[in-house]
């Protein structure tokens, strides 16, 4: 089945004082870092950055796989990039997000796991680490076109400040 769908994405991110490349394995230490208030160089509290985006995409669902493809916008800073969120229906907790075009990478989200990938930009490649805290996948349940996906994760580009991110993706069928 191939369908045109509407996507609503809400994301929230805030810098945290932790480095995923240091090999932190204690989930409690990561969760504590996510809850600690973040202050800038002047001692001011850093507010989370929240983004809401609406767009249309293409949903493809087979008996084994669910995939959702959409074009990034200027709002995400990745204009000219196509994104694909996919998973095997038998492994709903293992999500892959591919970006191709202006930037390219393959991010893997798997609850309680840390994955490292390369983030290709026109300037140079960066090593990125993603540690997924939680995956709630209600996309395509019982063959439904719509649904929602919630990801709670920490992401860090090597050498930059890590960020605690939450993403809520809602998919609905276009009338």
Protein backbone atom coordinates (compact mmCIF):
# COMPACT_ATOMS: atom_id res chain seq x y z
CA UNK A 1 0.00 0.00 0.00
CA UNK A 2 1.24 3.47 -0.93
CA UNK A 3 -0.61 6.52 0.46
CA UNK A 4 -0.20 10.26 0.69
CA UNK A 5 -0.28 11.30 4.36
CA UNK A 6 -0.11 14.40 6.52
CA UNK A 7 2.65 14.61 9.12
CA UNK A 8 2.70 16.68 12.28
CA UNK A 9 6.06 16.79 14.02
CA UNK A 10 6.74 18.29 17.40
CA UNK A 11 10.30 18.37 18.64
CA UNK A 12 11.93 19.64 21.78
CA UNK A 13 15.65 19.84 22.43
CA UNK A 14 17.93 21.29 25.04
CA UNK A 15 21.67 21.05 25.58
CA UNK A 16 22.91 18.84 28.40
CA UNK A 17 26.25 18.45 30.17
CA UNK A 18 27.23 14.92 29.16
CA UNK A 19 29.34 13.34 26.43
CA UNK A 20 28.07 10.16 24.80
CA UNK A 21 31.51 9.55 23.33
CA UNK A 22 32.93 9.10 26.84
CA UNK A 23 31.17 5.74 26.92
CA UNK A 24 28.58 6.45 29.62
CA UNK A 25 26.73 3.19 30.10
CA UNK A 26 24.75 3.99 33.23
CA UNK A 27 21.25 4.96 32.12
CA UNK A 28 20.65 6.64 35.50
CA UNK A 29 23.55 9.03 34.87
CA UNK A 30 22.09 9.91 31.46
CA UNK A 31 18.61 10.48 32.89
CA UNK A 32 20.07 12.65 35.66
CA UNK A 33 21.91 14.76 33.06
CA UNK A 34 18.64 15.19 31.15
CA UNK A 35 16.85 16.50 34.25
CA UNK A 36 19.61 18.91 35.35
CA UNK A 37 18.99 22.58 34.47
CA UNK A 38 21.31 23.87 31.75
CA UNK A 39 22.90 27.31 32.08
CA UNK A 40 24.80 29.31 29.48
CA UNK A 41 28.21 30.99 29.92
CA UNK A 42 26.57 33.95 31.71
CA UNK A 43 24.77 31.66 34.18
CA UNK A 44 21.35 32.15 32.53
CA UNK A 45 18.96 29.21 32.34
CA UNK A 46 18.79 27.79 28.80
CA UNK A 47 15.23 27.23 27.61
CA UNK A 48 14.44 24.19 25.45
CA UNK A 49 14.04 24.81 21.71
CA UNK A 50 10.63 23.66 20.53
CA UNK A 51 9.60 23.24 16.90
CA UNK A 52 6.29 22.29 15.30
CA UNK A 53 6.17 21.31 11.63
CA UNK A 54 3.42 20.19 9.27
CA UNK A 55 4.07 18.59 5.89
CA UNK A 56 2.88 15.89 3.53
CA UNK A 57 4.66 12.63 2.89
CA UNK A 58 4.35 9.20 1.38
CA UNK A 59 3.57 6.15 3.46
CA UNK A 60 4.47 2.70 2.20
CA UNK A 61 3.34 -0.32 4.18
CA UNK A 62 3.83 -3.96 3.31
CA UNK A 63 3.21 -7.07 5.38
CA UNK A 64 6.75 -6.68 6.78
CA UNK A 65 7.75 -3.03 6.67
CA UNK A 66 6.46 0.47 7.40
CA UNK A 67 8.18 3.47 5.83
CA UNK A 68 7.36 7.14 5.73
CA UNK A 69 9.15 9.55 3.36
CA UNK A 70 8.93 13.35 3.47
CA UNK A 71 10.89 16.44 2.44
CA UNK A 72 12.57 18.49 5.14
CA UNK A 73 11.85 22.22 5.21
CA UNK A 74 13.73 25.39 6.01
CA UNK A 75 12.26 25.15 9.51
CA UNK A 76 14.42 22.09 10.30
CA UNK A 77 17.54 23.60 8.76
CA UNK A 78 17.76 20.70 6.31
CA UNK A 79 15.96 22.13 3.28
CA UNK A 80 16.75 20.05 0.19
CA UNK A 81 16.95 16.86 2.26
CA UNK A 82 14.56 13.93 2.05
CA UNK A 83 13.91 11.92 5.21
CA UNK A 84 12.66 8.37 5.57
CA UNK A 85 11.48 6.84 8.85
CA UNK A 86 11.17 3.06 8.67
CA UNK A 87 10.93 -0.10 10.71
CA UNK A 88 10.13 -3.77 10.36
CA UNK A 89 6.64 -4.53 11.72
CA UNK A 90 8.10 -7.46 13.68
CA UNK A 91 10.62 -5.07 15.33
CA UNK A 92 8.61 -1.94 16.13
CA UNK A 93 11.19 -0.73 18.67
CA UNK A 94 14.03 -0.45 16.15
CA UNK A 95 13.55 2.73 14.09
CA UNK A 96 15.81 3.93 11.28
CA UNK A 97 15.78 7.52 10.06
CA UNK A 98 17.61 8.11 6.78
CA UNK A 99 18.40 11.61 5.51
CA UNK A 100 19.54 12.05 1.88
CA UNK A 101 20.21 15.14 -0.21
CA UNK A 102 21.64 18.31 1.35
CA UNK A 103 22.82 16.27 4.32
CA UNK A 104 22.92 12.51 4.63
CA UNK A 105 22.99 10.15 7.56
CA UNK A 106 21.38 7.02 8.97
CA UNK A 107 20.21 7.43 12.57
CA UNK A 108 19.19 4.34 14.53
CA UNK A 109 16.80 4.54 17.50
CA UNK A 110 16.60 1.50 19.75
CA UNK A 111 15.48 1.89 23.36
CA UNK A 112 18.37 1.63 25.84
CA UNK A 113 20.98 1.42 23.06
CA UNK A 114 23.74 3.72 21.80
CA UNK A 115 24.43 3.93 18.05
CA UNK A 116 27.17 5.88 16.25
CA UNK A 117 26.83 7.09 12.65
CA UNK A 118 28.38 9.55 10.22
CA UNK A 119 26.54 12.80 9.38
CA UNK A 120 27.61 13.98 5.91
CA UNK A 121 27.32 17.71 5.18
CA UNK A 122 28.51 19.70 2.14
CA UNK A 123 31.37 21.02 4.30
CA UNK A 124 32.62 17.86 6.03
CA UNK A 125 31.44 14.67 7.75
CA UNK A 126 30.80 14.50 11.51
CA UNK A 127 30.56 11.54 13.83
CA UNK A 128 27.19 11.45 15.64
CA UNK A 129 26.16 9.37 18.63
CA UNK A 130 22.51 8.67 19.49
CA UNK A 131 21.47 7.09 22.79
CA UNK A 132 17.76 6.27 22.76
CA UNK A 133 16.01 6.49 26.10
CA UNK A 134 12.51 5.55 24.95
CA UNK A 135 10.63 4.43 21.81
CA UNK A 136 6.83 4.40 21.66
CA UNK A 137 5.75 3.27 18.20
CA UNK A 138 2.04 3.28 17.38
CA UNK A 139 2.47 3.74 13.62
CA UNK A 140 0.57 1.32 11.38
CA UNK A 141 -0.93 -0.68 14.22
CA UNK A 142 -3.35 -3.32 12.91
CA UNK A 143 -2.73 -2.10 9.36
CA UNK A 144 -3.92 1.46 10.10
CA UNK A 145 -2.56 4.23 7.90
CA UNK A 146 -2.08 6.69 10.76
CA UNK A 147 -0.64 6.58 14.22
CA UNK A 148 2.13 8.20 16.20
CA UNK A 149 5.78 7.71 17.06
CA UNK A 150 7.46 9.15 20.17
CA UNK A 151 11.24 9.17 20.52
CA UNK A 152 13.17 10.34 23.60
CA UNK A 153 16.92 10.39 22.97
CA UNK A 154 20.25 12.08 23.51
CA UNK A 155 22.26 13.08 20.45
CA UNK A 156 25.79 14.44 20.21
CA UNK A 157 27.97 15.50 17.32
CA UNK A 158 31.53 14.69 18.40
CA UNK A 159 33.06 17.78 19.94
CA UNK A 160 29.76 19.64 20.37
CA UNK A 161 27.37 19.80 23.30
CA UNK A 162 25.01 16.86 23.64
CA UNK A 163 21.27 17.54 23.37
CA UNK A 164 18.32 15.82 25.00
CA UNK A 165 15.65 15.54 22.28
CA UNK A 166 12.06 14.47 22.19
CA UNK A 167 10.21 13.96 18.94
CA UNK A 168 6.51 13.30 18.46
CA UNK A 169 5.48 12.34 14.92
CA UNK A 170 1.80 12.00 14.07
CA UNK A 171 0.62 10.56 10.77
CA UNK A 172 -2.87 10.91 9.35
CA UNK A 173 -4.42 9.96 6.03
CA UNK A 174 -5.09 12.78 3.56
CA UNK A 175 -8.80 13.03 2.71
